[in-house]
Amino acid sequence: MDSKKYIGMDVHQATISVAVMDAGGKVVMDSVIETKATNILELIQGIRGTLWVTFEEGTSAAWLYDLLKSHVGKVVVCNPRKNALLKAGNKNDRIDARKLADLLRSGLLSPVYHGGAGVHTLREMTRSYLTITKDLTRVRNRIKGLYRSWAIPCGGQKVYSPRYRSEWLKKLTEAGVRRRAEWLYQQLDDLQPLHREARRELLAESHKHPANTVLRQVPWLGPIRVALLIALIQTPHRFRTKRQLWAYSGLALQTRASGEYRVSGGQLQRAKRQPSLRGLNENHNHELKAVFKSTAARASTSAGPFGDFYAALLATGMRPTMARLTVARKIAAIVLTIWKKGECFDPGHLKRQAA
């Protein structure tokens, strides 16, 4: 029977450094190949045994994952932020590939989720929509920043409107500054129809997924937020518990504790000292956190079940910031539950154990 092989790949734009390690930790092959599908598959097919492959999350990770997943026993796309061991000692492509193979063999890698083949189109549309939205926001901020740099107040939305544009441009007396503003307005005019088109196609693609109907029942989860949730989470079954979703969404509290036990009268006892809080976890999906935070902010100040839930938290003496965080965590927990079970939203969920 063939033995298991662990393959570490240090992936770059032009080449991939490959290290193959056996179950005993012995490197049985080192190679450098061109970053092409035919070369990669030819290498994989030439290695005998049950193959486990790992490489770091990066530009080519999704393509490489889809290429390899049907040709090997297991593919682990690992989180480079948590690969501190790669930074120790000497560093080059060959060494990094060997270290990845060894970490895979030892089970010390933190995987990044790749899957959800049914949402690939929606994920790409989501990336496009978010990118265009950020570009649009950036141009708007630059327009206001230009006026403010010349001490011209420009609050509100009129500064962007074509109807009032000539009036605003007259306030810029310096020719070069006025020309710069005209170019920014041209950027704005080009991006706005593109943004509307991206939004329309995103919503149309989102409606093809059964989860859309389920999640739209949750108050203040509009069509855009639901589309983003489906694309960013892909499947609720990747999270076994709500706390895993909280951590992925940046809503988990980080704690620090040391010396948790003491010996008293010959008996081991847990110390009464409380763990110290260190804020929310830093490694998270920023877009997903923005969805839950914006939903909680709107829901907390509006009439409805989440508004009542927020008011009840404040009545217990909880600070508003912590109450909004609790609402966001509760929304995330409800999304995970009804999506997994395919059930209807029930305001009674809010009366159960607090998030």
Protein backbone atom coordinates (compact mmCIF):
# COMPACT_ATOMS: atom_id res chain seq x y z
CA MET A 1 0.00 0.00 0.00
CA ASP A 2 1.37 3.43 -0.94
CA SER A 3 2.25 5.79 1.89
CA LYS A 4 0.90 9.24 2.46
CA LYS A 5 2.87 12.18 1.01
CA TYR A 6 2.73 15.78 2.21
CA ILE A 7 3.37 18.41 -0.46
CA GLY A 8 4.24 22.02 0.39
CA MET A 9 4.00 24.61 -2.39
CA ASP A 10 5.51 28.08 -2.22
CA VAL A 11 3.52 29.76 -4.99
CA HIS A 12 4.71 32.77 -6.99
CA GLN A 13 3.53 34.40 -10.19
CA ALA A 14 6.06 32.67 -12.45
CA THR A 15 7.19 29.60 -10.51
CA ILE A 16 6.20 27.24 -7.69
CA SER A 17 8.71 25.67 -5.31
CA VAL A 18 7.52 22.19 -4.34
CA ALA A 19 8.69 20.00 -1.45
CA VAL A 20 7.38 16.44 -0.99
CA MET A 21 7.70 14.87 2.47
CA ASP A 22 6.83 11.37 3.63
CA ALA A 23 5.04 10.43 6.85
CA GLY A 24 8.35 10.23 8.71
CA GLY A 25 9.32 13.80 7.87
CA LYS A 26 11.91 12.92 5.22
CA VAL A 27 12.01 15.15 2.14
CA VAL A 28 11.75 12.80 -0.82
CA MET A 29 11.63 15.43 -3.56
CA ASP A 30 12.39 19.10 -4.19
CA SER A 31 11.33 20.77 -7.41
CA VAL A 32 10.70 24.13 -9.05
CA ILE A 33 8.03 24.23 -11.74
CA GLU A 34 6.39 26.89 -13.86
CA THR A 35 3.05 28.21 -12.61
CA LYS A 36 0.99 26.47 -15.27
CA ALA A 37 -1.84 23.96 -14.88
CA THR A 38 -0.25 21.34 -17.13
CA ASN A 39 3.06 21.44 -15.26
CA ILE A 40 1.38 21.22 -11.86
CA LEU A 41 -0.84 18.27 -12.80
CA GLU A 42 2.06 16.46 -14.45
CA LEU A 43 4.05 16.75 -11.21
CA ILE A 44 1.12 15.60 -9.04
CA GLN A 45 0.39 12.60 -11.26
CA GLY A 46 4.01 11.52 -11.02
CA ILE A 47 3.94 11.18 -7.22
CA ARG A 48 2.68 7.90 -5.80
CA GLY A 49 0.61 7.59 -2.65
CA THR A 50 -2.17 9.50 -0.93
CA LEU A 51 -1.34 13.15 -1.47
CA TRP A 52 -2.04 16.04 0.87
CA VAL A 53 -1.16 19.47 -0.55
CA THR A 54 -0.83 22.87 1.09
CA PHE A 55 -0.06 26.40 -0.02
CA GLU A 56 -0.71 29.84 1.40
CA GLU A 57 -3.78 31.97 0.69
CA GLY A 58 -2.94 34.48 -2.03
CA THR A 59 -3.73 35.73 -5.51
CA SER A 60 -3.60 32.29 -7.17
CA ALA A 61 -5.03 30.28 -4.25
CA ALA A 62 -8.60 29.91 -5.56
CA TRP A 63 -7.39 28.83 -9.02
CA LEU A 64 -4.89 26.36 -7.59
CA TYR A 65 -7.44 24.92 -5.14
CA ASP A 66 -9.96 24.26 -7.92
CA LEU A 67 -7.21 22.72 -10.06
CA LEU A 68 -5.97 20.27 -7.42
CA LYS A 69 -9.00 19.30 -5.34
CA SER A 70 -10.05 16.45 -7.65
CA HIS A 71 -6.51 15.08 -8.09
CA VAL A 72 -5.30 14.74 -4.48
CA GLY A 73 -6.61 13.42 -1.19
CA LYS A 74 -6.75 16.79 0.57
CA VAL A 75 -5.94 20.42 -0.18
CA VAL A 76 -5.24 22.84 2.69
CA VAL A 77 -5.10 26.53 1.82
CA CYS A 78 -3.42 27.96 4.91
CA ASN A 79 -3.60 31.39 6.50
CA PRO A 80 -0.23 33.17 6.02
CA ARG A 81 -0.93 35.46 8.97
CA LYS A 82 -0.77 32.48 11.30
CA ASN A 83 2.34 30.88 9.80
CA ALA A 84 4.77 32.45 12.24
CA LEU A 85 7.05 29.42 12.00
CA LEU A 86 7.87 30.34 8.39
CA LYS A 87 9.53 33.54 9.60
CA ALA A 88 12.01 31.77 11.88
CA GLY A 89 15.52 30.97 10.66
CA ASN A 90 16.72 31.14 7.07
CA LYS A 91 14.16 31.89 4.39
CA ASN A 92 13.94 31.14 0.70
CA ASP A 93 11.43 29.45 -1.60
CA ARG A 94 12.81 25.94 -1.11
CA ILE A 95 12.92 26.28 2.68
CA ASP A 96 9.40 27.73 2.79
CA ALA A 97 8.04 24.82 0.74
CA ARG A 98 9.70 22.33 3.11
CA LYS A 99 8.34 24.14 6.16
CA LEU A 100 4.81 24.13 4.70
CA ALA A 101 5.03 20.39 4.05
CA ASP A 102 6.27 19.77 7.60
CA LEU A 103 3.55 21.94 9.16
CA LEU A 104 0.94 20.09 7.10
CA ARG A 105 2.33 16.75 8.28
CA SER A 106 2.24 17.97 11.90
CA GLY A 107 -1.31 19.36 11.65
CA LEU A 108 -0.19 22.88 12.63
CA LEU A 109 -1.74 24.86 9.76
CA SER A 110 -4.78 27.12 10.07
CA PRO A 111 -6.93 26.46 6.97
CA VAL A 112 -8.73 29.10 4.94
CA TYR A 113 -12.14 27.97 3.68
CA HIS A 114 -12.38 27.28 -0.05
CA GLY A 115 -15.50 25.66 -1.38
CA GLY A 116 -19.09 26.53 -2.17
CA ALA A 117 -18.86 25.86 -5.89
CA GLY A 118 -22.46 27.02 -6.31
CA VAL A 119 -21.68 30.58 -5.29
CA HIS A 120 -18.61 31.29 -7.45
CA THR A 121 -20.51 33.66 -9.74
CA LEU A 122 -22.10 35.48 -6.81
CA ARG A 123 -18.72 35.80 -5.07
CA GLU A 124 -17.13 37.39 -8.14
CA MET A 125 -20.05 39.79 -8.52
CA THR A 126 -19.77 40.65 -4.83
CA ARG A 127 -16.07 41.43 -5.23
CA SER A 128 -16.86 43.67 -8.19
CA TYR A 129 -19.70 45.44 -6.37
CA LEU A 130 -17.61 46.07 -3.24
CA THR A 131 -14.64 47.30 -5.29
CA ILE A 132 -16.76 49.73 -7.30
CA THR A 133 -18.49 50.90 -4.11
CA LYS A 134 -15.13 51.64 -2.49
CA ASP A 135 -13.95 53.46 -5.63
CA LEU A 136 -17.14 55.55 -5.65
CA THR A 137 -16.74 56.43 -1.97
CA ARG A 138 -13.08 57.32 -2.53
CA VAL A 139 -13.93 59.72 -5.39
CA ARG A 140 -16.67 61.38 -3.34
CA ASN A 141 -14.29 61.84 -0.42
CA ARG A 142 -11.69 63.36 -2.75
CA ILE A 143 -14.23 65.85 -4.12
CA LYS A 144 -15.20 67.00 -0.64
CA GLY A 145 -11.58 66.98 0.44
CA LEU A 146 -10.68 69.26 -2.45
CA TYR A 147 -13.28 71.87 -1.46
CA ARG A 148 -12.39 71.65 2.22
CA SER A 149 -8.69 72.13 1.42
CA TRP A 150 -9.71 75.58 0.11
CA ALA A 151 -11.87 76.30 3.17
CA ILE A 152 -15.14 75.81 1.25
CA PRO A 153 -17.83 74.08 3.38
CA CYS A 154 -19.41 71.22 1.46
CA GLY A 155 -21.70 69.16 3.67
CA GLY A 156 -24.54 67.09 2.26
CA GLN A 157 -25.02 65.61 -1.22
CA LYS A 158 -25.49 68.71 -3.39
CA VAL A 159 -21.78 68.93 -4.06
CA TYR A 160 -22.06 65.74 -6.15
CA SER A 161 -25.21 66.67 -8.08
CA PRO A 162 -24.80 67.64 -11.79
CA ARG A 163 -27.55 70.20 -11.26
CA TYR A 164 -25.43 72.27 -8.87
CA ARG A 165 -22.01 71.38 -10.30
CA SER A 166 -21.31 74.64 -12.14
CA GLU A 167 -22.24 76.58 -9.01
CA TRP A 168 -19.73 74.60 -6.96
CA LEU A 169 -16.98 74.85 -9.57
CA LYS A 170 -17.27 78.66 -9.57
CA LYS A 171 -16.18 78.64 -5.93
CA LEU A 172 -12.78 77.31 -7.03
CA THR A 173 -10.98 80.42 -8.29
CA GLU A 174 -7.64 78.75 -9.08
CA ALA A 175 -7.66 77.24 -12.62
CA GLY A 176 -5.61 74.13 -11.80
CA VAL A 177 -7.76 73.26 -8.80
CA ARG A 178 -10.94 73.73 -10.83
CA ARG A 179 -9.61 71.44 -13.55
CA ARG A 180 -8.76 68.82 -10.96
CA ALA A 181 -12.32 69.02 -9.63
CA GLU A 182 -13.70 68.56 -13.17
CA TRP A 183 -11.69 65.35 -13.58
CA LEU A 184 -12.98 64.07 -10.25
CA TYR A 185 -16.54 64.81 -11.34
CA GLN A 186 -15.88 62.91 -14.57
CA GLN A 187 -14.70 59.92 -12.54
CA LEU A 188 -17.86 60.16 -10.46
CA ASP A 189 -20.08 60.26 -13.56
CA ASP A 190 -18.34 57.19 -15.00
CA LEU A 191 -18.58 55.16 -11.79
CA GLN A 192 -22.22 55.83 -10.91
CA PRO A 193 -23.84 53.93 -13.83
CA LEU A 194 -21.28 51.14 -13.40
CA HIS A 195 -22.23 50.92 -9.72
CA ARG A 196 -25.92 50.70 -10.57
CA GLU A 197 -25.26 47.94 -13.09
CA ALA A 198 -23.11 45.96 -10.64
CA ARG A 199 -25.83 46.30 -7.99
CA ARG A 200 -28.55 45.13 -10.37
CA GLU A 201 -26.62 42.05 -11.50
CA LEU A 202 -25.60 41.23 -7.92
CA LEU A 203 -29.24 41.20 -6.81
CA ALA A 204 -30.32 39.15 -9.83
CA GLU A 205 -27.68 36.50 -9.10
CA SER A 206 -28.52 36.49 -5.38
CA HIS A 207 -32.17 35.66 -6.09
CA LYS A 208 -31.08 32.35 -7.64
CA HIS A 209 -30.03 31.01 -4.22
CA PRO A 210 -32.63 29.48 -1.84
CA ALA A 211 -30.98 31.17 1.15
CA ASN A 212 -32.10 34.55 -0.19
CA THR A 213 -35.75 33.89 0.71
CA VAL A 214 -34.82 32.60 4.17
CA LEU A 215 -32.51 35.45 5.14
CA ARG A 216 -34.74 38.23 3.81
CA GLN A 217 -37.14 37.44 6.67
CA VAL A 218 -34.69 38.88 9.21
CA PRO A 219 -35.54 42.55 9.91
CA TRP A 220 -33.08 45.07 8.42
CA LEU A 221 -31.39 42.46 6.25
CA GLY A 222 -32.15 44.05 2.89
CA PRO A 223 -31.41 42.55 -0.54
CA ILE A 224 -27.82 43.86 -0.71
CA ARG A 225 -26.89 42.68 2.78
CA VAL A 226 -28.41 39.25 2.08
CA ALA A 227 -26.49 38.96 -1.19
CA LEU A 228 -23.27 39.84 0.62
CA LEU A 229 -24.00 37.31 3.38
CA ILE A 230 -24.55 34.49 0.91
CA ALA A 231 -21.40 35.32 -1.02
CA LEU A 232 -19.16 35.84 2.01
CA ILE A 233 -20.37 32.92 4.14
CA GLN A 234 -21.11 30.59 1.17
CA THR A 235 -22.52 27.84 3.40
CA PRO A 236 -23.57 27.98 7.06
CA HIS A 237 -22.39 24.41 7.63
CA ARG A 238 -18.75 25.53 7.63
CA PHE A 239 -19.45 26.96 11.12
CA ARG A 240 -20.25 24.33 13.73
CA THR A 241 -21.24 26.91 16.37
CA LYS A 242 -22.27 30.55 16.46
CA ARG A 243 -19.01 31.44 18.21
CA GLN A 244 -17.05 30.30 15.16
CA LEU A 245 -19.13 32.66 13.02
CA TRP A 246 -18.56 35.47 15.53
CA ALA A 247 -14.80 34.98 15.31
CA TYR A 248 -14.88 34.90 11.51
CA SER A 249 -16.97 38.10 11.54
CA GLY A 250 -14.73 39.94 14.01
CA LEU A 251 -17.36 39.85 16.77
CA ALA A 252 -15.54 37.54 19.20
CA LEU A 253 -14.10 38.89 22.44
CA GLN A 254 -10.40 38.21 22.97
CA THR A 255 -9.44 37.31 26.54
CA ARG A 256 -6.12 36.79 28.29
CA ALA A 257 -5.65 34.62 31.37
CA SER A 258 -2.67 33.15 33.20
CA GLY A 259 -2.26 31.16 36.40
CA GLU A 260 -5.80 29.85 36.23
CA TYR A 261 -5.32 27.19 38.91
CA ARG A 262 -3.96 27.11 42.45
CA VAL A 263 -3.46 24.45 45.10
CA SER A 264 -5.37 24.92 48.35
CA GLY A 265 -5.29 22.32 51.11
CA GLY A 266 -3.78 19.83 48.72
CA GLN A 267 -6.66 20.29 46.29
CA LEU A 268 -6.44 21.80 42.82
CA GLN A 269 -8.83 24.73 42.49
CA ARG A 270 -9.57 27.23 39.76
CA ALA A 271 -8.55 30.76 40.70
CA LYS A 272 -11.34 33.33 40.99
CA ARG A 273 -9.44 35.88 38.93
CA GLN A 274 -11.45 36.87 35.83
CA PRO A 275 -9.79 36.78 32.38
CA SER A 276 -8.91 40.24 31.09
CA LEU A 277 -10.61 41.45 27.91
CA ARG A 278 -8.50 42.60 24.96
CA GLY A 279 -11.23 43.83 22.61
CA LEU A 280 -12.51 42.05 19.52
CA ASN A 281 -10.47 39.58 17.49
CA GLU A 282 -8.34 41.20 14.77
CA ASN A 283 -8.18 38.38 12.21
CA HIS A 284 -11.59 38.41 10.55
CA ASN A 285 -13.54 39.04 7.38
CA HIS A 286 -13.90 42.83 7.26
CA GLU A 287 -16.78 42.90 4.77
CA LEU A 288 -18.80 40.44 6.85
CA LYS A 289 -18.18 42.45 10.01
CA ALA A 290 -19.39 45.59 8.21
CA VAL A 291 -22.63 43.82 7.23
CA PHE A 292 -23.45 42.72 10.79
CA LYS A 293 -22.37 46.03 12.37
CA SER A 294 -24.38 48.18 9.95
CA THR A 295 -27.44 45.96 10.39
CA ALA A 296 -27.15 46.15 14.18
CA ALA A 297 -26.71 49.94 14.11
CA ARG A 298 -29.89 50.44 12.09
CA ALA A 299 -31.93 47.79 13.90
CA SER A 300 -30.98 49.05 17.38
CA THR A 301 -32.39 52.53 16.80
CA SER A 302 -35.58 51.42 15.03
CA ALA A 303 -38.88 49.99 16.15
CA GLY A 304 -39.09 46.24 16.01
CA PRO A 305 -37.79 43.13 17.77
CA PHE A 306 -34.12 44.13 17.60
CA GLY A 307 -34.91 47.65 18.83
CA ASP A 308 -36.76 46.17 21.80
CA PHE A 309 -33.90 43.75 22.43
CA TYR A 310 -31.41 46.65 22.38
CA ALA A 311 -33.56 48.71 24.78
CA ALA A 312 -33.81 45.77 27.18
CA LEU A 313 -30.01 45.46 27.20
CA LEU A 314 -29.63 49.16 28.01
CA ALA A 315 -32.16 48.79 30.81
CA THR A 316 -29.86 46.24 32.48
CA GLY A 317 -27.10 48.86 32.62
CA MET A 318 -25.12 47.62 29.62
CA ARG A 319 -23.12 50.26 27.75
CA PRO A 320 -24.50 51.23 24.31
CA THR A 321 -21.37 49.99 22.51
CA MET A 322 -21.60 46.58 24.17
CA ALA A 323 -25.36 46.48 23.56
CA ARG A 324 -24.86 47.10 19.82
CA LEU A 325 -22.19 44.39 19.75
CA THR A 326 -24.64 42.01 21.45
CA VAL A 327 -27.29 42.85 18.85
CA ALA A 328 -24.80 42.19 16.04
CA ARG A 329 -23.86 38.85 17.60
CA LYS A 330 -27.53 37.96 18.02
CA ILE A 331 -28.23 38.78 14.35
CA ALA A 332 -25.29 36.61 13.30
CA ALA A 333 -26.51 33.74 15.49
CA ILE A 334 -30.04 33.97 14.06
CA VAL A 335 -28.72 34.09 10.49
CA LEU A 336 -26.69 30.93 11.12
CA THR A 337 -29.60 29.09 12.76
CA ILE A 338 -32.35 29.80 10.24
CA TRP A 339 -30.00 29.33 7.29
CA LYS A 340 -28.88 25.91 8.54
CA LYS A 341 -32.40 24.74 9.35
CA GLY A 342 -34.22 26.55 6.54
CA GLU A 343 -36.82 27.76 9.03
CA CYS A 344 -38.70 31.04 9.33
CA PHE A 345 -37.51 33.96 11.43
CA ASP A 346 -39.14 33.98 14.83
CA PRO A 347 -38.88 37.07 17.09
CA GLY A 348 -38.93 34.57 19.94
CA HIS A 349 -35.29 33.86 19.13
CA LEU A 350 -34.49 37.17 20.83
CA LYS A 351 -36.09 36.06 24.08
CA ARG A 352 -33.80 33.09 24.42
CA GLN A 353 -30.27 33.13 25.81
CA ALA A 354 -28.61 36.45 25.01
CA ALA A 355 -25.77 36.51 22.49
